[in-house]
N, C-alpha and C. Protein backbone atom coordinates (compact mmCIF):
# COMPACT_ATOMS: atom_id res chain seq x y z
N MET A 1 -4.40 10.40 17.13
CA MET A 1 -3.16 10.66 16.45
C MET A 1 -2.72 12.09 16.73
N PRO A 2 -1.43 12.27 16.99
CA PRO A 2 -0.93 13.62 17.22
C PRO A 2 -0.98 14.46 15.95
N LEU A 3 -1.01 15.77 16.13
CA LEU A 3 -1.08 16.68 14.99
C LEU A 3 0.20 16.68 14.16
N THR A 4 1.28 16.15 14.70
CA THR A 4 2.54 16.14 13.95
C THR A 4 2.58 15.03 12.91
N VAL A 5 1.57 14.17 12.88
CA VAL A 5 1.52 13.08 11.92
C VAL A 5 0.97 13.62 10.60
N HIS A 6 1.55 13.16 9.51
CA HIS A 6 1.13 13.58 8.17
C HIS A 6 -0.37 13.35 7.99
N ASP A 7 -1.03 14.27 7.29
CA ASP A 7 -2.49 14.22 7.12
C ASP A 7 -2.97 12.90 6.52
N ARG A 8 -2.28 12.41 5.51
CA ARG A 8 -2.71 11.16 4.88
C ARG A 8 -2.60 9.98 5.82
N LEU A 9 -1.60 10.01 6.68
CA LEU A 9 -1.46 8.93 7.65
C LEU A 9 -2.57 8.99 8.70
N ARG A 10 -2.96 10.19 9.09
CA ARG A 10 -4.09 10.33 10.02
C ARG A 10 -5.37 9.82 9.37
N GLU A 11 -5.55 10.15 8.10
CA GLU A 11 -6.73 9.66 7.38
C GLU A 11 -6.72 8.14 7.30
N MET A 12 -5.55 7.57 7.01
CA MET A 12 -5.43 6.12 6.93
C MET A 12 -5.80 5.49 8.28
N TYR A 13 -5.32 6.08 9.37
CA TYR A 13 -5.64 5.58 10.70
C TYR A 13 -7.15 5.60 10.93
N LEU A 14 -7.80 6.69 10.57
CA LEU A 14 -9.23 6.80 10.75
C LEU A 14 -9.98 5.77 9.92
N PHE A 15 -9.63 5.65 8.64
CA PHE A 15 -10.35 4.74 7.75
C PHE A 15 -10.13 3.28 8.13
N LEU A 16 -8.89 2.90 8.38
CA LEU A 16 -8.61 1.51 8.74
C LEU A 16 -9.21 1.17 10.09
N GLY A 17 -9.07 2.07 11.05
CA GLY A 17 -9.63 1.83 12.38
C GLY A 17 -11.15 1.71 12.35
N SER A 18 -11.79 2.60 11.61
CA SER A 18 -13.26 2.56 11.50
C SER A 18 -13.72 1.28 10.80
N SER A 19 -13.04 0.92 9.73
CA SER A 19 -13.41 -0.29 8.98
C SER A 19 -13.27 -1.54 9.85
N TYR A 20 -12.15 -1.63 10.54
CA TYR A 20 -11.92 -2.80 11.39
C TYR A 20 -12.92 -2.85 12.53
N PHE A 21 -13.23 -1.68 13.10
CA PHE A 21 -14.21 -1.62 14.18
C PHE A 21 -15.57 -2.10 13.70
N LEU A 22 -15.98 -1.65 12.52
CA LEU A 22 -17.28 -2.08 11.97
C LEU A 22 -17.29 -3.58 11.67
N PHE A 23 -16.16 -4.09 11.18
CA PHE A 23 -16.06 -5.53 10.94
C PHE A 23 -16.21 -6.31 12.23
N LEU A 24 -15.53 -5.87 13.29
CA LEU A 24 -15.65 -6.55 14.58
C LEU A 24 -17.06 -6.41 15.16
N GLN A 25 -17.67 -5.25 14.95
CA GLN A 25 -19.05 -5.04 15.41
C GLN A 25 -20.00 -6.02 14.72
N TYR A 26 -19.79 -6.21 13.43
CA TYR A 26 -20.60 -7.18 12.67
C TYR A 26 -20.43 -8.59 13.24
N LEU A 27 -19.18 -8.98 13.49
CA LEU A 27 -18.93 -10.31 14.04
C LEU A 27 -19.56 -10.47 15.42
N PHE A 28 -19.51 -9.42 16.21
CA PHE A 28 -20.11 -9.45 17.54
C PHE A 28 -21.63 -9.59 17.43
N GLU A 29 -22.25 -8.83 16.53
CA GLU A 29 -23.70 -8.89 16.38
C GLU A 29 -24.16 -10.25 15.85
N LYS A 30 -23.33 -10.90 15.05
CA LYS A 30 -23.66 -12.23 14.53
C LYS A 30 -23.29 -13.33 15.51
N LYS A 31 -22.83 -12.92 16.70
CA LYS A 31 -22.46 -13.87 17.77
C LYS A 31 -21.27 -14.75 17.41
N LEU A 32 -20.40 -14.23 16.55
CA LEU A 32 -19.18 -14.96 16.19
C LEU A 32 -18.02 -14.58 17.11
N LEU A 33 -18.16 -13.44 17.80
CA LEU A 33 -17.15 -12.98 18.76
C LEU A 33 -17.86 -12.50 20.01
N SER A 34 -17.20 -12.69 21.14
CA SER A 34 -17.73 -12.09 22.37
C SER A 34 -17.26 -10.63 22.43
N GLU A 35 -17.86 -9.88 23.32
CA GLU A 35 -17.47 -8.47 23.45
C GLU A 35 -16.01 -8.34 23.88
N SER A 36 -15.59 -9.20 24.79
CA SER A 36 -14.20 -9.12 25.27
C SER A 36 -13.21 -9.49 24.15
N GLU A 37 -13.57 -10.47 23.32
CA GLU A 37 -12.70 -10.83 22.19
C GLU A 37 -12.61 -9.68 21.19
N ALA A 38 -13.74 -9.05 20.92
CA ALA A 38 -13.74 -7.93 19.98
C ALA A 38 -12.90 -6.78 20.51
N ARG A 39 -13.01 -6.48 21.78
CA ARG A 39 -12.20 -5.40 22.38
C ARG A 39 -10.71 -5.74 22.31
N ARG A 40 -10.39 -6.98 22.64
CA ARG A 40 -8.98 -7.41 22.62
C ARG A 40 -8.41 -7.32 21.21
N LEU A 41 -9.18 -7.79 20.23
CA LEU A 41 -8.73 -7.74 18.84
C LEU A 41 -8.55 -6.30 18.37
N TYR A 42 -9.49 -5.43 18.73
CA TYR A 42 -9.39 -4.03 18.30
C TYR A 42 -8.19 -3.35 18.96
N GLN A 43 -7.96 -3.62 20.23
CA GLN A 43 -6.82 -3.02 20.92
C GLN A 43 -5.50 -3.47 20.29
N SER A 44 -5.40 -4.74 19.95
CA SER A 44 -4.19 -5.26 19.30
C SER A 44 -4.00 -4.61 17.93
N PHE A 45 -5.09 -4.51 17.17
CA PHE A 45 -5.03 -3.88 15.86
C PHE A 45 -4.60 -2.42 16.00
N ASP A 46 -5.20 -1.72 16.96
CA ASP A 46 -4.88 -0.31 17.16
C ASP A 46 -3.41 -0.12 17.51
N GLU A 47 -2.87 -0.96 18.36
CA GLU A 47 -1.45 -0.87 18.71
C GLU A 47 -0.57 -1.05 17.48
N LEU A 48 -0.91 -2.04 16.66
CA LEU A 48 -0.12 -2.30 15.45
C LEU A 48 -0.22 -1.15 14.45
N ILE A 49 -1.41 -0.63 14.25
CA ILE A 49 -1.58 0.43 13.26
C ILE A 49 -0.91 1.72 13.74
N VAL A 50 -0.96 2.00 15.03
CA VAL A 50 -0.27 3.19 15.56
C VAL A 50 1.24 3.04 15.37
N MET A 51 1.77 1.85 15.62
CA MET A 51 3.20 1.62 15.43
C MET A 51 3.58 1.81 13.96
N LEU A 52 2.77 1.27 13.07
CA LEU A 52 3.02 1.41 11.63
C LEU A 52 2.97 2.87 11.20
N ILE A 53 2.00 3.60 11.68
CA ILE A 53 1.87 5.01 11.30
C ILE A 53 3.04 5.82 11.84
N LYS A 54 3.48 5.53 13.04
CA LYS A 54 4.65 6.24 13.58
C LYS A 54 5.89 5.97 12.72
N GLN A 55 6.08 4.72 12.31
CA GLN A 55 7.23 4.39 11.47
C GLN A 55 7.14 5.10 10.12
N GLN A 56 5.95 5.09 9.51
CA GLN A 56 5.77 5.75 8.22
C GLN A 56 5.96 7.25 8.35
N ASN A 57 5.49 7.82 9.45
CA ASN A 57 5.64 9.26 9.66
C ASN A 57 7.11 9.64 9.79
N GLU A 58 7.88 8.80 10.46
CA GLU A 58 9.32 9.06 10.58
C GLU A 58 9.98 9.02 9.20
N ARG A 59 9.54 8.10 8.35
CA ARG A 59 10.07 8.04 6.98
C ARG A 59 9.71 9.29 6.20
N VAL A 60 8.47 9.76 6.35
CA VAL A 60 8.02 10.96 5.64
C VAL A 60 8.82 12.17 6.10
N ILE A 61 8.98 12.30 7.41
CA ILE A 61 9.74 13.44 7.95
C ILE A 61 11.19 13.37 7.48
N GLY A 62 11.77 12.17 7.47
CA GLY A 62 13.14 12.01 7.00
C GLY A 62 13.29 12.38 5.54
N LYS A 63 12.35 11.98 4.71
CA LYS A 63 12.40 12.30 3.29
C LYS A 63 12.27 13.80 3.06
N ARG A 64 11.41 14.45 3.84
CA ARG A 64 11.24 15.90 3.71
C ARG A 64 12.55 16.62 3.98
N SER A 65 13.21 16.25 5.09
CA SER A 65 14.44 16.95 5.45
C SER A 65 15.55 16.64 4.44
N GLU A 66 15.61 15.40 3.94
CA GLU A 66 16.61 15.05 2.93
C GLU A 66 16.38 15.85 1.65
N ASN A 67 15.12 15.94 1.24
CA ASN A 67 14.81 16.67 0.02
C ASN A 67 15.13 18.15 0.16
N LEU A 68 14.87 18.72 1.31
CA LEU A 68 15.16 20.12 1.50
C LEU A 68 16.65 20.39 1.46
N GLU A 69 17.44 19.49 2.03
CA GLU A 69 18.88 19.68 2.07
C GLU A 69 19.52 19.45 0.71
N ASN A 70 18.98 18.53 -0.08
CA ASN A 70 19.60 18.15 -1.34
C ASN A 70 19.08 18.93 -2.54
N GLU A 71 18.05 19.72 -2.37
CA GLU A 71 17.48 20.46 -3.49
C GLU A 71 18.40 21.60 -3.90
N ASP A 72 18.60 21.71 -5.20
CA ASP A 72 19.33 22.83 -5.76
C ASP A 72 18.31 23.74 -6.42
N TYR A 73 17.84 24.70 -5.65
CA TYR A 73 16.76 25.55 -6.14
C TYR A 73 17.20 26.44 -7.29
N LEU A 74 18.42 26.89 -7.28
CA LEU A 74 18.93 27.71 -8.37
C LEU A 74 18.90 26.93 -9.68
N GLN A 75 19.30 25.68 -9.63
CA GLN A 75 19.28 24.83 -10.82
C GLN A 75 17.84 24.62 -11.30
N GLN A 76 16.92 24.45 -10.40
CA GLN A 76 15.52 24.29 -10.78
C GLN A 76 14.98 25.54 -11.47
N ILE A 77 15.33 26.70 -10.95
CA ILE A 77 14.90 27.96 -11.56
C ILE A 77 15.48 28.10 -12.96
N ARG A 78 16.74 27.73 -13.12
CA ARG A 78 17.37 27.80 -14.44
C ARG A 78 16.65 26.89 -15.43
N MET A 79 16.32 25.68 -14.98
CA MET A 79 15.63 24.74 -15.85
C MET A 79 14.24 25.26 -16.23
N LEU A 80 13.55 25.89 -15.30
CA LEU A 80 12.23 26.43 -15.60
C LEU A 80 12.31 27.55 -16.64
N TYR A 81 13.34 28.41 -16.53
CA TYR A 81 13.51 29.47 -17.50
C TYR A 81 13.84 28.92 -18.88
N LYS A 82 14.63 27.86 -18.92
CA LYS A 82 15.02 27.28 -20.21
C LYS A 82 13.84 26.59 -20.88
N THR A 83 12.99 25.93 -20.11
CA THR A 83 11.90 25.17 -20.71
C THR A 83 10.68 26.04 -21.01
N ASN A 84 10.54 27.18 -20.37
CA ASN A 84 9.35 28.02 -20.60
C ASN A 84 9.74 29.20 -21.37
């Protein structure tokens, strides 16, 4: 994963990828999958998860820029002074 991806999304990629890999490894060891089937399944899963993470990262980046543009910091400061 590139460094420009949000930290939580990178963590999700690591956890999901590791979990799925271990699941496929278990199936391979139990002779329920061949090595080539396990590789093919993992590659397909990896392509899908990378696509999902890229889409989610674009949403996160979009929300950040929208929030920065729409924030009224002066109003927030006024509210903090009034409440404290």
